[in-house]
């Protein structure tokens, strides 16, 4: 559940996307968030649906 929340938070646009302070910094953060977003998409795809989790008797 925590991992899913973190992944969804990463999917949301960041403050730096809206107001970059400098172009180099903006590009660096964009690269980093793109990698995090890709990882988040993979995590959300791998995680089983909420209603089947946790597995019960």
N, C-alpha and C. Protein backbone atom coordinates (compact mmCIF):
# COMPACT_ATOMS: atom_id res chain seq x y z
N UNK A 1 0.84 -1.20 0.00
CA UNK A 1 0.00 0.00 0.00
C UNK A 1 0.88 1.26 0.00
N UNK A 2 1.92 1.24 0.84
CA UNK A 2 2.83 2.38 0.88
C UNK A 2 3.52 2.58 -0.46
N UNK A 3 3.94 1.46 -1.07
CA UNK A 3 4.63 1.54 -2.36
C UNK A 3 3.70 2.13 -3.41
N UNK A 4 2.44 1.71 -3.37
CA UNK A 4 1.47 2.21 -4.35
C UNK A 4 1.24 3.71 -4.18
N UNK A 5 1.12 4.16 -2.92
CA UNK A 5 0.93 5.59 -2.67
C UNK A 5 2.12 6.40 -3.16
N UNK A 6 3.32 5.89 -2.90
CA UNK A 6 4.53 6.58 -3.36
C UNK A 6 4.56 6.63 -4.88
N UNK A 7 4.18 5.53 -5.51
CA UNK A 7 4.17 5.47 -6.97
C UNK A 7 3.17 6.48 -7.54
N UNK A 8 1.99 6.55 -6.93
CA UNK A 8 0.98 7.49 -7.41
C UNK A 8 1.44 8.93 -7.20
N UNK A 9 2.17 9.16 -6.10
CA UNK A 9 2.68 10.50 -5.84
C UNK A 9 3.72 10.90 -6.89
N UNK A 10 4.52 9.93 -7.31
CA UNK A 10 5.53 10.20 -8.34
C UNK A 10 4.85 10.50 -9.68
N UNK A 11 3.72 9.85 -9.93
CA UNK A 11 3.02 10.04 -11.20
C UNK A 11 2.48 11.48 -11.32
N UNK A 12 2.18 12.12 -10.19
CA UNK A 12 1.67 13.48 -10.23
C UNK A 12 2.77 14.45 -10.67
N UNK A 13 2.40 15.53 -11.35
CA UNK A 13 3.41 16.50 -11.80
C UNK A 13 4.09 17.15 -10.61
N UNK A 14 5.39 17.36 -10.72
CA UNK A 14 6.15 17.94 -9.61
C UNK A 14 6.15 19.46 -9.69
N UNK A 15 6.54 20.08 -8.60
CA UNK A 15 6.60 21.54 -8.54
C UNK A 15 7.60 22.07 -9.57
N UNK A 16 8.70 21.33 -9.76
CA UNK A 16 9.76 21.78 -10.65
C UNK A 16 9.30 21.74 -12.12
N UNK A 17 8.36 20.85 -12.44
CA UNK A 17 7.83 20.83 -13.80
C UNK A 17 7.05 22.12 -14.08
N UNK A 18 6.40 22.64 -13.05
CA UNK A 18 5.56 23.82 -13.23
C UNK A 18 6.38 25.11 -13.20
N UNK A 19 7.40 25.17 -12.33
CA UNK A 19 8.20 26.40 -12.20
C UNK A 19 9.69 26.07 -12.08
N UNK A 20 10.35 25.82 -13.19
CA UNK A 20 11.78 25.51 -13.15
C UNK A 20 12.59 26.75 -12.77
N UNK A 21 13.60 26.55 -11.91
CA UNK A 21 14.43 27.68 -11.48
C UNK A 21 15.53 27.95 -12.51
N UNK A 22 16.12 26.91 -13.03
CA UNK A 22 17.10 27.08 -14.10
C UNK A 22 16.95 25.92 -15.07
N UNK A 23 17.34 26.15 -16.33
CA UNK A 23 17.09 25.15 -17.36
C UNK A 23 17.85 23.85 -17.10
N UNK A 24 19.13 23.96 -16.69
CA UNK A 24 19.93 22.76 -16.43
C UNK A 24 19.34 21.96 -15.27
N UNK A 25 18.99 22.67 -14.20
CA UNK A 25 18.37 22.02 -13.04
C UNK A 25 17.05 21.38 -13.45
N UNK A 26 16.28 22.09 -14.25
CA UNK A 26 15.00 21.59 -14.71
C UNK A 26 15.17 20.29 -15.51
N UNK A 27 16.18 20.27 -16.41
CA UNK A 27 16.41 19.08 -17.22
C UNK A 27 16.86 17.91 -16.37
N UNK A 28 17.73 18.19 -15.38
CA UNK A 28 18.21 17.13 -14.50
C UNK A 28 17.05 16.51 -13.72
N UNK A 29 16.20 17.38 -13.16
CA UNK A 29 15.06 16.89 -12.38
C UNK A 29 14.06 16.17 -13.29
N UNK A 30 13.88 16.69 -14.51
CA UNK A 30 12.97 16.04 -15.45
C UNK A 30 13.44 14.63 -15.77
N UNK A 31 14.76 14.48 -16.00
CA UNK A 31 15.32 13.15 -16.26
C UNK A 31 15.07 12.22 -15.09
N UNK A 32 15.31 12.74 -13.88
CA UNK A 32 15.16 11.93 -12.68
C UNK A 32 13.69 11.53 -12.49
N UNK A 33 12.77 12.50 -12.67
CA UNK A 33 11.35 12.18 -12.47
C UNK A 33 10.84 11.25 -13.56
N UNK A 34 11.40 11.36 -14.77
CA UNK A 34 10.99 10.43 -15.83
C UNK A 34 11.37 9.01 -15.46
N UNK A 35 12.57 8.83 -14.90
CA UNK A 35 12.99 7.50 -14.47
C UNK A 35 12.10 7.00 -13.34
N UNK A 36 11.82 7.87 -12.36
CA UNK A 36 10.96 7.49 -11.25
C UNK A 36 9.56 7.14 -11.75
N UNK A 37 9.06 7.92 -12.72
CA UNK A 37 7.72 7.69 -13.25
C UNK A 37 7.65 6.35 -13.96
N UNK A 38 8.71 6.02 -14.70
CA UNK A 38 8.75 4.72 -15.38
C UNK A 38 8.75 3.59 -14.36
N UNK A 39 9.53 3.75 -13.29
CA UNK A 39 9.56 2.75 -12.22
C UNK A 39 8.19 2.65 -11.56
N UNK A 40 7.55 3.79 -11.35
CA UNK A 40 6.23 3.79 -10.72
C UNK A 40 5.20 3.07 -11.58
N UNK A 41 5.26 3.28 -12.90
CA UNK A 41 4.33 2.59 -13.79
C UNK A 41 4.52 1.09 -13.72
N UNK A 42 5.79 0.65 -13.67
CA UNK A 42 6.08 -0.78 -13.56
C UNK A 42 5.53 -1.32 -12.25
N UNK A 43 5.76 -0.58 -11.14
CA UNK A 43 5.29 -1.03 -9.83
C UNK A 43 3.77 -1.15 -9.83
N UNK A 44 3.08 -0.13 -10.38
CA UNK A 44 1.63 -0.17 -10.39
C UNK A 44 1.11 -1.31 -11.26
N UNK A 45 1.85 -1.66 -12.31
CA UNK A 45 1.44 -2.75 -13.18
C UNK A 45 1.65 -4.10 -12.49
N UNK A 46 2.75 -4.20 -11.72
CA UNK A 46 3.08 -5.48 -11.09
C UNK A 46 2.22 -5.75 -9.86
N UNK A 47 1.85 -4.69 -9.14
CA UNK A 47 1.09 -4.89 -7.90
C UNK A 47 -0.30 -5.44 -8.21
N UNK A 48 -0.73 -6.47 -7.46
CA UNK A 48 -2.06 -7.05 -7.68
C UNK A 48 -3.15 -6.04 -7.32
N UNK A 49 -4.34 -6.19 -7.89
CA UNK A 49 -5.45 -5.28 -7.57
C UNK A 49 -5.76 -5.30 -6.08
N UNK A 50 -6.27 -4.18 -5.58
CA UNK A 50 -6.51 -4.00 -4.15
C UNK A 50 -7.48 -5.04 -3.58
N UNK A 51 -8.52 -5.41 -4.34
CA UNK A 51 -9.56 -6.27 -3.77
C UNK A 51 -9.08 -7.71 -3.57
N UNK A 52 -8.02 -8.12 -4.29
CA UNK A 52 -7.49 -9.46 -4.10
C UNK A 52 -6.33 -9.46 -3.10
N UNK A 53 -6.08 -8.32 -2.44
CA UNK A 53 -4.91 -8.21 -1.57
C UNK A 53 -5.32 -7.56 -0.26
N UNK A 54 -4.91 -8.07 0.92
CA UNK A 54 -4.05 -9.25 1.08
C UNK A 54 -4.80 -10.55 0.83
N UNK A 55 -4.07 -11.61 0.46
CA UNK A 55 -4.72 -12.91 0.22
C UNK A 55 -5.31 -13.47 1.50
N UNK A 56 -6.58 -13.82 1.47
CA UNK A 56 -7.26 -14.35 2.65
C UNK A 56 -7.42 -15.86 2.55
N UNK A 57 -8.04 -16.46 3.54
CA UNK A 57 -8.25 -17.93 3.54
C UNK A 57 -9.26 -18.35 2.47
